Amino acid sequence: MPTDPFTDPQLLHALMRLHWEDLVEVIPDALLIVEAQGRIVFSNRHCERLFGYEPGELNGKAVEVLIPATLRESHRIHRSRYADSPFTRPMGQSLDLFGIRKDGSELPVEISLSPLATGHGSLVVAVIRDVTQRRQAEKALAAMATTDPVTGLANKLLFQDRLQQAIADAQHYQRRVAVTLLDLDHFKRVNETFGHGGGDQVLTTVAQRLKASLPEHATLARLGGDEYAVIHRNLKDDHVAAIETERLLEVVATAIELDGQEFVVTASAGISIFPHDGMDAPTLFQHAETAMYRAKQERNRFQHFAPETMSHVAERLKLENDLRKAIDQGDLVIHYQPQVQPDDGRIVGAEALIRWNHPQRGLVSPADFIPLAEETGLIVPITEWVIRTACQQALCWRESGLPPIRMAINLSARHFKSLDLSETVRHLLSGVGFEADLLDLELTESLLMENLDVAISLLEDLDGLGVRLSIDDFGTGYSSLSYLKRLPIHALKIDRSFIRDLSTDRSSGAIVRAIVDLAHHMDLKVVAEGVEDEGQLDQLRLLRCDEVQGYHYSRPLPASAFEDLLARDPFRIAV
């Protein structure tokens, strides 16, 4: 009976030696072998195609032919040092560099170097990977981190940075800085009439008009929703801000045509001025917001900040007091949105989303009370209540015969910075009797990057408990992907802004594909949020996204309605 070469070590070794050239040609990366003096002795076909050379054309050439001219001398020096003692220097690390094609164009590459000893001297084996798509994705992510995806204006993060810079300059040159906040009046009616797509067109039109009407030194941003902000720099007197703001309101109020209908959108604005109305960015912003809310009482006008406009503070204090009572009186409720595996339609998890059922106001929007809870510290007991209640609910569903699911819960900035966070989570899980691996704690990128070293320590403690850790709104808070290597995380949640145009916009598809490939390469799961139609779902299936959630499947539901959803299992795909 003939010997199987794949089980006999000697025969297998001989077989590998016989077919080694075939082996190096089938690997998906470029392979380059260089002798100690820098002469290329071998390059596979993928390497030749990558750099634009004909088969065999690279062999015998100096390796510097693939290196940018500005780096060639440095490369020769390092190569010479390595040739003197090849096995005493660290190799095997991945380096992000630029290569040069035959036509002179630059190519971003990732290179891994390894030494190889032979009877005729040492060689260096380079594995080279084209990272053009990754670089493009990182560039797109960097833009997303500081740019509003709808209007292309600066977002709130960039606005805050520019405001701090403007204040510093004004202090140095003894000038004034004005902050103007503009909020469109009755914008909800636009969305109700034309849908969110039409609403986005109006937001973009207003942004273009505002930008065209402002001087170059002004900063214009969209803060979210229908709110814009302007920074007027180096003003000589207070009247300039009022004149500029009045002109902006006139520009906004010009008729807009949409779907064959002509209508007018107006705006209300509030102005605060450094140094009279505040000495720092948060105070100036808050006072401009206070003035804007007063202007909205009459609409289509602007208002300077004045101490008497602080009456809203009393209302805010009342809301804070009501929120404290809500925690004690059980006015907080949780709605659950399913997380579904797109390949088979099985519900594998739920995101727990808090709602406030105010006795007089009815359901209060999270956008109205979550920032207040963050600022006052009430978010800490609220988050602990959410974890306890959501885990108990998941156990109740299981005890009624429904399949076990993972429960996803957002961690706040205030809670995440608590040094005893892991102990708090352990205590909550122990008290409820809920398995740690079925709890998914979600944190935002910006929160993690505030202090990466501290974040790593806290995440390692949580990881030690066995809970799943996810980065929420991935791609909107930071501009580099390198930090992912340092974090003990298990999943990425792609922000809805990437998903919205997935089925119609090629660049959105490229970014999502890059994120999914990156995550899977790092053994991370990928969850897409904000999935609203079948086209987006089909694309995510093709991209091998692990889980999805969004209105296409279900809005967030009260516990009883979600239990019915689990029981019916309506999304399961028949095999």
Protein backbone atom coordinates (compact mmCIF):
# COMPACT_ATOMS: atom_id res chain seq x y z
CA MET A 1 0.00 0.00 0.00
CA PRO A 2 1.59 3.36 -1.03
CA THR A 3 2.64 5.75 1.73
CA ASP A 4 0.53 8.88 2.21
CA PRO A 5 2.95 11.84 1.73
CA PHE A 6 0.73 14.08 3.84
CA THR A 7 1.14 11.92 6.96
CA ASP A 8 4.78 10.93 6.51
CA PRO A 9 6.96 13.83 7.78
CA GLN A 10 9.93 13.00 5.53
CA LEU A 11 7.85 12.66 2.39
CA LEU A 12 5.91 15.82 3.24
CA HIS A 13 9.16 17.74 3.75
CA ALA A 14 10.46 16.53 0.40
CA LEU A 15 7.15 17.45 -1.24
CA MET A 16 7.30 20.97 0.22
CA ARG A 17 10.88 21.43 -1.05
CA LEU A 18 9.83 20.27 -4.50
CA HIS A 19 6.85 22.65 -4.70
CA TRP A 20 8.11 25.62 -2.66
CA GLU A 21 7.83 28.02 -5.61
CA ASP A 22 4.21 26.98 -6.12
CA LEU A 23 3.58 27.58 -2.42
CA VAL A 24 4.93 31.13 -2.40
CA GLU A 25 2.91 31.95 -5.50
CA VAL A 26 -0.44 30.99 -3.99
CA ILE A 27 -0.15 33.14 -0.86
CA PRO A 28 -2.28 36.31 -1.19
CA ASP A 29 0.54 38.70 -0.20
CA ALA A 30 3.63 39.92 -2.00
CA LEU A 31 6.81 38.04 -1.05
CA LEU A 32 10.30 39.47 -1.49
CA ILE A 33 13.64 37.85 -0.54
CA VAL A 34 16.71 40.10 -0.28
CA GLU A 35 20.33 39.14 0.39
CA ALA A 36 22.51 41.00 2.90
CA GLN A 37 23.85 43.52 0.37
CA GLY A 38 20.37 44.60 -0.64
CA ARG A 39 20.05 42.62 -3.87
CA ILE A 40 16.63 41.11 -4.61
CA VAL A 41 17.03 37.36 -5.15
CA PHE A 42 13.35 36.40 -5.41
CA SER A 43 9.94 38.01 -5.82
CA ASN A 44 6.65 36.20 -6.30
CA ARG A 45 4.17 37.13 -9.03
CA HIS A 46 1.96 39.04 -6.59
CA CYS A 47 4.93 41.25 -5.66
CA GLU A 48 5.74 41.92 -9.30
CA ARG A 49 2.14 42.82 -10.10
CA LEU A 50 1.87 44.99 -6.96
CA PHE A 51 4.85 47.13 -7.96
CA GLY A 52 4.19 47.03 -11.73
CA TYR A 53 7.10 44.85 -12.89
CA GLU A 54 7.27 42.06 -15.46
CA PRO A 55 7.95 38.49 -14.29
CA GLY A 56 11.57 38.15 -13.19
CA GLU A 57 12.30 41.86 -13.75
CA LEU A 58 12.93 42.60 -10.07
CA ASN A 59 15.45 39.82 -9.55
CA GLY A 60 18.98 41.20 -9.22
CA LYS A 61 17.87 44.79 -8.64
CA ALA A 62 18.73 46.72 -5.47
CA VAL A 63 15.82 46.64 -3.05
CA GLU A 64 15.99 50.43 -2.83
CA VAL A 65 14.26 50.58 -6.22
CA LEU A 66 11.02 49.88 -4.27
CA ILE A 67 11.69 52.55 -1.62
CA PRO A 68 10.92 56.30 -1.87
CA ALA A 69 13.99 58.34 -2.83
CA THR A 70 13.91 60.35 0.42
CA LEU A 71 14.23 57.14 2.48
CA ARG A 72 16.76 55.21 0.42
CA GLU A 73 19.92 56.40 2.18
CA SER A 74 18.40 55.73 5.62
CA HIS A 75 17.34 52.30 4.43
CA ARG A 76 20.87 51.49 3.22
CA ILE A 77 22.30 52.42 6.63
CA HIS A 78 19.80 50.27 8.54
CA ARG A 79 20.29 47.39 6.12
CA SER A 80 24.06 47.58 6.52
CA ARG A 81 23.75 47.49 10.31
CA TYR A 82 21.44 44.51 10.09
CA ALA A 83 23.81 42.67 7.75
CA ASP A 84 26.53 42.91 10.42
CA SER A 85 24.40 41.16 13.06
CA PRO A 86 21.17 39.90 11.49
CA PHE A 87 19.91 37.79 14.37
CA THR A 88 20.55 40.26 17.20
CA ARG A 89 18.03 42.81 15.99
CA PRO A 90 14.24 42.48 16.37
CA MET A 91 12.43 41.37 13.23
CA GLY A 92 8.88 40.24 12.48
CA GLN A 93 7.16 43.53 13.38
CA SER A 94 4.67 44.97 10.91
CA LEU A 95 5.68 48.37 9.55
CA ASP A 96 3.43 50.84 7.75
CA LEU A 97 5.49 52.42 4.94
CA PHE A 98 5.25 53.65 1.37
CA GLY A 99 6.64 51.73 -1.58
CA ILE A 100 7.38 52.97 -5.10
CA ARG A 101 5.91 51.34 -8.18
CA LYS A 102 7.83 51.09 -11.44
CA ASP A 103 5.88 54.07 -12.81
CA GLY A 104 7.00 56.21 -9.84
CA SER A 105 3.68 56.27 -8.00
CA GLU A 106 3.61 55.72 -4.25
CA LEU A 107 1.88 52.73 -2.68
CA PRO A 108 0.97 52.45 1.03
CA VAL A 109 2.09 49.04 2.27
CA GLU A 110 2.42 47.01 5.44
CA ILE A 111 5.72 45.09 5.61
CA SER A 112 6.74 42.24 7.90
CA LEU A 113 10.45 41.33 7.89
CA SER A 114 11.99 38.05 9.05
CA PRO A 115 15.62 36.82 8.92
CA LEU A 116 16.47 33.56 7.17
CA ALA A 117 19.80 31.79 7.74
CA THR A 118 21.30 29.80 4.85
CA GLY A 119 24.61 28.08 4.26
CA HIS A 120 25.59 30.97 1.97
CA GLY A 121 24.72 33.85 4.30
CA SER A 122 21.64 35.46 5.78
CA LEU A 123 18.60 36.63 3.85
CA VAL A 124 15.70 38.89 4.73
CA VAL A 125 12.20 37.71 3.83
CA ALA A 126 9.67 40.53 3.40
CA VAL A 127 5.92 39.90 3.31
CA ILE A 128 4.24 42.97 1.79
CA ARG A 129 0.56 43.84 1.85
CA ASP A 130 -1.21 46.63 -0.05
CA VAL A 131 -3.07 48.73 2.57
CA THR A 132 -4.53 51.33 0.22
CA GLN A 133 -8.12 50.47 1.18
CA ARG A 134 -7.28 50.56 4.90
CA ARG A 135 -5.62 53.97 4.56
CA GLN A 136 -8.63 55.27 2.65
CA ALA A 137 -10.94 53.91 5.35
CA GLU A 138 -8.87 55.56 8.10
CA LYS A 139 -8.95 58.84 6.19
CA ALA A 140 -12.71 58.57 5.84
CA LEU A 141 -13.05 57.75 9.54
CA ALA A 142 -10.91 60.75 10.45
CA ALA A 143 -13.23 62.99 8.41
CA MET A 144 -16.27 61.38 10.00
CA ALA A 145 -14.87 62.09 13.47
CA THR A 146 -14.96 65.87 12.89
CA THR A 147 -17.49 66.31 10.08
CA ASP A 148 -21.27 66.24 10.12
CA PRO A 149 -22.29 63.46 7.70
CA VAL A 150 -25.42 65.25 6.43
CA THR A 151 -24.16 68.78 5.71
CA GLY A 152 -20.38 68.34 5.51
CA LEU A 153 -19.94 71.08 8.13
CA ALA A 154 -17.80 70.82 11.23
CA ASN A 155 -19.49 68.74 13.92
CA LYS A 156 -19.82 69.46 17.63
CA LEU A 157 -16.45 67.94 18.47
CA LEU A 158 -14.60 70.19 16.04
CA PHE A 159 -16.74 73.19 17.01
CA GLN A 160 -15.73 72.85 20.67
CA ASP A 161 -12.06 72.65 19.73
CA ARG A 162 -12.29 75.73 17.48
CA LEU A 163 -14.14 77.68 20.19
CA GLN A 164 -11.39 77.00 22.71
CA GLN A 165 -8.80 78.16 20.17
CA ALA A 166 -10.79 81.32 19.43
CA ILE A 167 -11.01 82.19 23.13
CA ALA A 168 -7.26 81.70 23.57
CA ASP A 169 -6.56 84.01 20.61
CA ALA A 170 -9.02 86.61 21.92
CA GLN A 171 -7.35 86.62 25.33
CA HIS A 172 -3.97 87.17 23.70
CA TYR A 173 -5.08 89.98 21.38
CA GLN A 174 -7.70 91.44 23.76
CA ARG A 175 -10.53 90.95 21.29
CA ARG A 176 -14.05 89.52 21.58
CA VAL A 177 -15.47 86.19 20.46
CA ALA A 178 -19.16 85.68 19.79
CA VAL A 179 -21.02 82.37 19.76
CA THR A 180 -24.30 82.21 17.84
CA LEU A 181 -26.56 79.18 18.06
CA LEU A 182 -29.30 78.87 15.42
CA ASP A 183 -32.18 76.42 15.70
CA LEU A 184 -34.67 75.96 12.87
CA ASP A 185 -38.27 76.72 13.84
CA HIS A 186 -40.86 73.92 13.59
CA PHE A 187 -38.44 71.70 11.68
CA LYS A 188 -40.42 68.66 12.78
CA ARG A 189 -43.10 69.69 10.28
CA VAL A 190 -40.56 69.41 7.45
CA ASN A 191 -39.73 65.83 8.41
CA GLU A 192 -43.39 64.96 8.76
CA THR A 193 -44.19 66.43 5.32
CA PHE A 194 -41.18 65.35 3.25
CA GLY A 195 -39.69 62.52 5.29
CA HIS A 196 -36.20 62.41 6.73
CA GLY A 197 -34.65 62.43 3.26
CA GLY A 198 -36.36 65.73 2.47
CA GLY A 199 -35.42 67.02 5.91
CA ASP A 200 -31.76 66.26 5.20
CA GLN A 201 -31.99 68.21 1.93
CA VAL A 202 -33.33 71.23 3.81
CA LEU A 203 -30.59 70.95 6.42
CA THR A 204 -27.97 70.85 3.65
CA THR A 205 -29.52 73.82 1.83
CA VAL A 206 -29.52 75.89 5.03
CA ALA A 207 -25.92 74.89 5.71
CA GLN A 208 -24.84 76.01 2.23
CA ARG A 209 -26.62 79.34 2.63
CA LEU A 210 -25.09 80.02 6.02
CA LYS A 211 -21.61 79.09 4.84
CA ALA A 212 -21.85 81.37 1.80
CA SER A 213 -22.94 84.27 4.01
CA LEU A 214 -20.15 84.08 6.59
CA PRO A 215 -16.65 85.54 6.39
CA GLU A 216 -13.77 83.09 5.97
CA HIS A 217 -12.53 83.47 9.54
CA ALA A 218 -15.88 82.36 11.01
CA THR A 219 -16.50 78.72 11.99
CA LEU A 220 -19.83 77.14 11.07
CA ALA A 221 -20.90 73.81 12.54
CA ARG A 222 -23.95 71.60 12.73
CA LEU A 223 -24.36 70.37 16.29
CA GLY A 224 -27.02 67.79 15.52
CA GLY A 225 -30.71 67.82 14.70
CA ASP A 226 -31.63 71.21 13.26
CA GLU A 227 -29.13 73.22 15.30
CA TYR A 228 -26.19 75.17 13.85
CA ALA A 229 -23.44 77.12 15.59
CA VAL A 230 -21.22 79.99 14.49
CA ILE A 231 -18.00 81.30 16.03
CA HIS A 232 -17.23 84.95 15.20
CA ARG A 233 -13.54 85.60 15.90
CA ASN A 234 -11.56 88.67 16.91
CA LEU A 235 -14.48 91.09 17.05
CA LYS A 236 -13.75 94.71 17.88
CA ASP A 237 -17.21 95.36 19.35
CA ASP A 238 -20.39 93.51 20.26
CA HIS A 239 -22.53 94.96 17.47
CA VAL A 240 -20.81 92.95 14.74
CA ALA A 241 -22.24 89.67 16.06
CA ALA A 242 -25.77 91.07 16.10
CA ILE A 243 -25.46 92.39 12.53
CA GLU A 244 -24.05 89.05 11.29
CA THR A 245 -26.73 87.02 13.08
CA GLU A 246 -29.58 89.16 11.75
CA ARG A 247 -28.25 88.65 8.23
CA LEU A 248 -28.03 84.89 8.77
CA LEU A 249 -31.68 84.74 9.87
CA GLU A 250 -32.67 86.58 6.69
CA VAL A 251 -30.69 84.13 4.57
CA VAL A 252 -32.31 81.13 6.26
CA ALA A 253 -35.80 82.56 5.73
CA THR A 254 -35.41 82.63 1.93
CA ALA A 255 -37.92 80.33 0.23
CA ILE A 256 -36.87 76.70 -0.41
CA GLU A 257 -38.32 74.49 -3.14
CA LEU A 258 -38.64 70.77 -2.46
CA ASP A 259 -40.66 68.20 -4.40
CA GLY A 260 -42.27 70.98 -6.37
CA GLN A 261 -43.40 72.81 -3.23
CA GLU A 262 -42.07 76.17 -2.11
CA PHE A 263 -41.96 76.94 1.60
CA VAL A 264 -40.07 79.03 4.13
CA VAL A 265 -38.09 77.79 7.11
CA THR A 266 -37.15 80.32 9.77
CA ALA A 267 -34.65 80.11 12.61
CA SER A 268 -34.20 81.46 16.11
CA ALA A 269 -30.76 82.41 17.42
CA GLY A 270 -28.99 83.13 20.69
CA ILE A 271 -25.76 85.09 21.09
CA SER A 272 -23.17 85.09 23.87
CA ILE A 273 -19.96 87.11 23.82
CA PHE A 274 -16.55 86.56 25.39
CA PRO A 275 -15.56 87.89 27.88
CA HIS A 276 -18.83 89.53 29.07
CA ASP A 277 -21.00 86.40 29.01
CA GLY A 278 -18.42 83.80 29.95
CA MET A 279 -14.69 83.19 30.21
CA ASP A 280 -14.65 79.61 28.90
CA ALA A 281 -16.17 77.58 26.08
CA PRO A 282 -18.78 75.62 28.09
CA THR A 283 -20.14 78.78 29.72
CA LEU A 284 -20.34 80.68 26.43
CA PHE A 285 -22.10 77.75 24.79
CA GLN A 286 -24.57 77.37 27.63
CA HIS A 287 -25.40 81.08 27.66
CA ALA A 288 -25.87 81.18 23.87
CA GLU A 289 -28.21 78.22 24.23
CA THR A 290 -30.15 79.98 26.99
CA ALA A 291 -30.57 83.06 24.78
CA MET A 292 -31.64 80.88 21.85
CA TYR A 293 -34.39 79.21 23.89
CA ARG A 294 -35.73 82.63 24.82
CA ALA A 295 -35.69 83.69 21.15
CA LYS A 296 -37.65 80.57 20.20
CA GLN A 297 -40.52 81.75 22.35
CA GLU A 298 -41.27 84.25 19.59
CA ARG A 299 -39.52 82.56 16.62
CA ASN A 300 -37.53 84.02 13.73
CA ARG A 301 -35.50 86.38 15.88
CA PHE A 302 -32.25 86.50 17.81
CA GLN A 303 -31.60 87.23 21.46
CA HIS A 304 -28.47 88.28 23.34
CA PHE A 305 -27.73 86.47 26.55
CA ALA A 306 -28.81 88.34 29.65
CA PRO A 307 -28.94 87.20 33.27
CA GLU A 308 -32.73 87.33 33.27
CA THR A 309 -32.81 84.67 30.56
CA MET A 310 -31.60 82.24 33.18
CA SER A 311 -35.17 81.44 34.13
CA HIS A 312 -34.70 78.26 32.18
CA VAL A 313 -32.27 77.20 34.91
CA ALA A 314 -35.20 76.95 37.30
CA GLU A 315 -36.99 74.70 34.83
CA ARG A 316 -33.87 72.59 34.50
CA LEU A 317 -33.61 72.24 38.27
CA LYS A 318 -37.23 71.12 38.37
CA LEU A 319 -36.51 68.53 35.68
CA GLU A 320 -33.53 67.32 37.69
CA ASN A 321 -35.66 67.01 40.83
CA ASP A 322 -38.31 65.10 38.86
CA LEU A 323 -35.64 62.74 37.54
CA ARG A 324 -34.45 62.00 41.07
CA LYS A 325 -38.04 61.17 42.02
CA ALA A 326 -38.42 59.02 38.91
CA ILE A 327 -35.60 56.75 40.09
CA ASP A 328 -37.28 56.23 43.45
CA GLN A 329 -40.88 56.05 42.23
CA GLY A 330 -40.38 53.64 39.34
CA ASP A 331 -41.16 56.06 36.51
CA LEU A 332 -38.20 54.77 34.47
CA VAL A 333 -38.88 51.96 32.02
CA ILE A 334 -36.76 49.96 29.59
CA HIS A 335 -37.54 49.27 25.97
CA TYR A 336 -35.70 46.52 24.12
CA GLN A 337 -34.53 46.48 20.50
CA PRO A 338 -33.65 43.08 19.01
CA GLN A 339 -30.22 42.24 17.64
CA VAL A 340 -30.55 39.69 14.84
CA GLN A 341 -28.19 37.38 12.98
CA PRO A 342 -28.72 38.37 9.34
CA ASP A 343 -27.90 34.95 7.90
CA ASP A 344 -30.68 33.06 9.69
CA GLY A 345 -32.86 35.78 11.23
CA ARG A 346 -32.41 34.48 14.78
CA ILE A 347 -32.73 37.00 17.62
CA VAL A 348 -29.50 36.66 19.62
CA GLY A 349 -29.59 39.78 21.74
CA ALA A 350 -31.38 42.94 22.76
CA GLU A 351 -30.18 46.46 23.47
CA ALA A 352 -31.75 47.86 26.64
CA LEU A 353 -32.79 51.48 26.09
CA ILE A 354 -34.08 53.59 28.98
CA ARG A 355 -37.27 55.65 28.77
CA TRP A 356 -38.78 58.07 31.28
CA ASN A 357 -42.54 57.95 31.74
CA HIS A 358 -43.08 61.34 33.43
CA PRO A 359 -46.40 61.55 35.34
CA GLN A 360 -47.27 64.93 33.77
CA ARG A 361 -45.15 65.14 30.60
CA GLY A 362 -45.60 61.56 29.42
CA LEU A 363 -42.62 59.88 27.75
CA VAL A 364 -39.60 62.20 27.99
CA SER A 365 -37.05 61.91 25.18
CA PRO A 366 -33.68 60.44 26.24
CA ALA A 367 -32.09 63.42 24.49
CA ASP A 368 -33.73 65.64 27.14
CA PHE A 369 -32.82 63.74 30.28
CA ILE A 370 -29.72 61.62 29.59
CA PRO A 371 -27.37 64.66 29.31
CA LEU A 372 -28.92 66.00 32.52
CA ALA A 373 -28.37 62.65 34.22
CA GLU A 374 -24.75 62.61 33.02
CA GLU A 375 -24.06 66.10 34.29
CA THR A 376 -25.64 65.57 37.71
CA GLY A 377 -24.22 62.07 38.28
CA LEU A 378 -27.69 60.50 38.36
CA ILE A 379 -26.61 58.39 35.40
CA VAL A 380 -24.68 56.13 37.78
CA PRO A 381 -27.67 54.81 39.78
CA ILE A 382 -29.76 54.84 36.58
CA THR A 383 -27.22 52.65 34.73
CA GLU A 384 -27.01 50.23 37.65
CA TRP A 385 -30.81 50.02 37.68
CA VAL A 386 -30.82 49.32 33.93
CA ILE A 387 -28.24 46.52 34.27
CA ARG A 388 -30.11 44.90 37.15
CA THR A 389 -33.57 45.25 35.57
CA ALA A 390 -32.55 44.17 32.05
CA CYS A 391 -30.70 41.09 33.32
CA GLN A 392 -33.67 40.12 35.51
CA GLN A 393 -35.97 40.52 32.51
CA ALA A 394 -33.76 38.29 30.36
CA LEU A 395 -33.90 35.62 33.07
CA CYS A 396 -37.70 35.90 33.26
CA TRP A 397 -38.00 35.35 29.51
CA ARG A 398 -35.77 32.30 29.76
CA GLU A 399 -37.74 30.86 32.67
CA SER A 400 -40.90 31.16 30.58
CA GLY A 401 -39.35 28.84 28.00
CA LEU A 402 -37.86 31.41 25.60
CA PRO A 403 -34.29 31.03 24.29
CA PRO A 404 -31.47 32.80 26.19
CA ILE A 405 -30.33 36.07 24.64
CA ARG A 406 -27.50 38.51 25.27
CA MET A 407 -28.39 41.85 26.87
CA ALA A 408 -26.56 44.96 25.60
CA ILE A 409 -26.35 48.02 27.85
CA ASN A 410 -24.63 51.38 27.30
CA LEU A 411 -22.10 52.50 29.90
CA SER A 412 -22.00 56.23 30.57
CA ALA A 413 -18.83 58.31 30.78
CA ARG A 414 -19.49 58.99 34.44
CA HIS A 415 -19.94 55.30 35.25
CA PHE A 416 -17.00 54.12 33.15
CA LYS A 417 -14.62 56.40 35.03
CA SER A 418 -15.59 54.80 38.34
CA LEU A 419 -12.62 52.87 39.72
CA ASP A 420 -14.87 50.18 41.22
CA LEU A 421 -16.84 49.62 38.01
CA SER A 422 -15.86 45.96 37.59
CA GLU A 423 -16.78 45.22 41.21
CA THR A 424 -20.13 46.96 40.73
CA VAL A 425 -20.87 44.87 37.63
CA ARG A 426 -19.78 41.66 39.39
CA HIS A 427 -22.04 42.46 42.33
CA LEU A 428 -25.01 43.21 40.05
CA LEU A 429 -24.56 39.98 38.07
CA SER A 430 -24.17 37.94 41.25
CA GLY A 431 -27.26 39.49 42.81
CA VAL A 432 -29.41 38.71 39.78
CA GLY A 433 -27.84 35.36 38.93
CA PHE A 434 -27.19 36.35 35.33
CA GLU A 435 -24.33 34.85 33.31
CA ALA A 436 -21.51 37.29 32.63
CA ASP A 437 -21.04 36.15 29.01
CA LEU A 438 -24.63 37.19 28.23
CA LEU A 439 -24.02 40.80 29.32
CA ASP A 440 -22.73 43.15 26.61
CA LEU A 441 -21.41 46.50 27.85
CA GLU A 442 -21.17 49.17 25.14
CA LEU A 443 -18.76 52.11 25.28
CA THR A 444 -18.05 54.87 22.76
CA GLU A 445 -14.68 55.45 21.09
CA SER A 446 -14.40 59.02 22.36
CA LEU A 447 -14.95 57.81 25.92
CA LEU A 448 -12.17 55.22 25.61
CA MET A 449 -9.71 57.66 24.07
CA GLU A 450 -10.02 60.27 26.83
CA ASN A 451 -7.44 58.25 28.77
CA LEU A 452 -6.44 55.13 26.88
CA ASP A 453 -4.22 53.66 29.59
CA VAL A 454 -6.92 53.95 32.25
CA ALA A 455 -9.50 52.59 29.79
CA ILE A 456 -7.34 49.53 29.10
CA SER A 457 -7.03 48.80 32.81
CA LEU A 458 -10.79 49.12 33.38
CA LEU A 459 -11.61 47.03 30.33
CA GLU A 460 -9.19 44.30 31.42
CA ASP A 461 -10.98 44.15 34.78
CA LEU A 462 -14.35 43.85 33.03
CA ASP A 463 -12.98 41.31 30.58
CA GLY A 464 -11.83 39.27 33.55
CA LEU A 465 -15.45 38.98 34.65
CA GLY A 466 -16.33 37.35 31.35
CA VAL A 467 -18.66 40.06 30.02
CA ARG A 468 -18.69 41.04 26.35
CA LEU A 469 -17.25 44.51 25.61
CA SER A 470 -18.33 46.45 22.53
CA ILE A 471 -17.33 49.78 21.03
CA ASP A 472 -20.53 51.68 20.20
CA ASP A 473 -20.88 54.21 17.35
CA PHE A 474 -17.62 52.91 15.88
CA GLY A 475 -15.90 55.30 13.50
CA THR A 476 -17.31 58.58 14.84
CA GLY A 477 -15.04 59.33 17.77
CA TYR A 478 -11.45 58.72 16.71
CA SER A 479 -9.33 58.84 13.56
CA SER A 480 -6.97 55.86 13.93
CA LEU A 481 -7.59 52.14 14.06
CA SER A 482 -4.28 51.25 15.73
CA TYR A 483 -5.66 51.62 19.26
CA LEU A 484 -7.90 48.58 18.74
CA LYS A 485 -4.89 46.28 19.16
CA ARG A 486 -4.51 47.44 22.76
CA LEU A 487 -8.10 47.05 23.91
CA PRO A 488 -9.57 43.78 25.25
CA ILE A 489 -12.81 44.18 23.31
CA HIS A 490 -15.03 41.64 21.61
CA ALA A 491 -17.27 43.55 19.17
CA LEU A 492 -17.63 46.73 17.11
CA LYS A 493 -20.97 48.44 16.53
CA ILE A 494 -20.85 50.29 13.22
CA ASP A 495 -22.45 53.71 13.58
CA ARG A 496 -25.77 54.24 11.77
CA SER A 497 -24.25 57.10 9.73
CA PHE A 498 -22.23 54.50 7.78
CA ILE A 499 -25.25 52.24 7.27
CA ARG A 500 -27.71 54.89 6.07
CA ASP A 501 -26.36 55.12 2.50
CA LEU A 502 -24.90 51.62 2.35
CA SER A 503 -27.10 50.36 -0.50
CA THR A 504 -26.69 53.51 -2.64
CA ASP A 505 -23.27 54.99 -1.86
CA ARG A 506 -20.08 53.13 -2.87
CA SER A 507 -17.85 54.98 -0.40
CA SER A 508 -20.11 53.97 2.50
CA GLY A 509 -19.90 50.38 1.34
CA ALA A 510 -16.10 50.57 1.17
CA ILE A 511 -15.89 51.92 4.72
CA VAL A 512 -18.23 49.26 6.12
CA ARG A 513 -16.32 46.54 4.24
CA ALA A 514 -13.03 47.81 5.68
CA ILE A 515 -14.45 47.84 9.21
CA VAL A 516 -15.88 44.31 8.88
CA ASP A 517 -12.63 42.94 7.41
CA LEU A 518 -10.57 44.65 10.10
CA ALA A 519 -12.82 43.35 12.89
CA HIS A 520 -12.85 39.79 11.60
CA HIS A 521 -9.08 39.87 11.15
CA MET A 522 -8.87 40.73 14.86
CA ASP A 523 -11.44 38.06 15.80
CA LEU A 524 -14.05 40.71 16.69
CA LYS A 525 -17.78 40.49 16.04
CA VAL A 526 -19.49 43.25 14.05
CA VAL A 527 -22.93 44.68 14.82
CA ALA A 528 -24.59 47.16 12.44
CA GLU A 529 -27.12 49.54 13.96
CA GLY A 530 -29.68 51.69 12.18
CA VAL A 531 -30.65 49.09 9.54
CA GLU A 532 -33.86 50.40 8.01
CA ASP A 533 -34.43 48.59 4.72
CA GLU A 534 -33.89 45.33 2.86
CA GLY A 535 -31.20 46.84 0.62
CA GLN A 536 -29.00 47.69 3.59
CA LEU A 537 -29.59 44.22 5.04
CA ASP A 538 -28.62 42.51 1.77
CA GLN A 539 -25.37 44.47 1.66
CA LEU A 540 -24.57 43.58 5.26
CA ARG A 541 -25.19 39.90 4.53
CA LEU A 542 -22.74 40.09 1.62
CA LEU A 543 -20.18 41.79 3.85
CA ARG A 544 -20.56 39.00 6.46
CA CYS A 545 -21.76 41.32 9.22
CA ASP A 546 -22.42 39.20 12.32
CA GLU A 547 -25.45 40.97 13.80
CA VAL A 548 -27.80 43.81 12.86
CA GLN A 549 -30.40 45.93 14.57
CA GLY A 550 -32.71 48.68 13.44
CA TYR A 551 -36.24 49.63 12.43
CA HIS A 552 -36.17 47.13 9.55
CA TYR A 553 -36.66 44.48 12.21
CA SER A 554 -38.25 46.37 15.07
CA ARG A 555 -38.37 49.60 17.02
CA PRO A 556 -37.44 49.39 20.70
CA LEU A 557 -40.32 47.61 22.45
CA PRO A 558 -41.67 47.38 25.99
CA ALA A 559 -40.80 44.15 27.78
CA SER A 560 -44.16 42.48 27.13
CA ALA A 561 -44.08 43.27 23.40
CA PHE A 562 -40.48 42.07 23.13
CA GLU A 563 -41.45 38.82 24.87
CA ASP A 564 -44.13 38.30 22.23
CA LEU A 565 -41.52 38.99 19.52
CA LEU A 566 -39.21 36.34 20.99
CA ALA A 567 -42.05 33.83 21.21
CA ARG A 568 -43.15 34.36 17.59
CA ASP A 569 -39.57 34.34 16.24
CA PRO A 570 -40.81 36.24 13.14
CA PHE A 571 -37.46 36.95 11.48
CA ARG A 572 -36.22 33.33 11.32
CA ILE A 573 -35.29 32.30 7.81
CA ALA A 574 -36.59 28.86 6.83
CA VAL A 575 -33.82 26.51 5.76
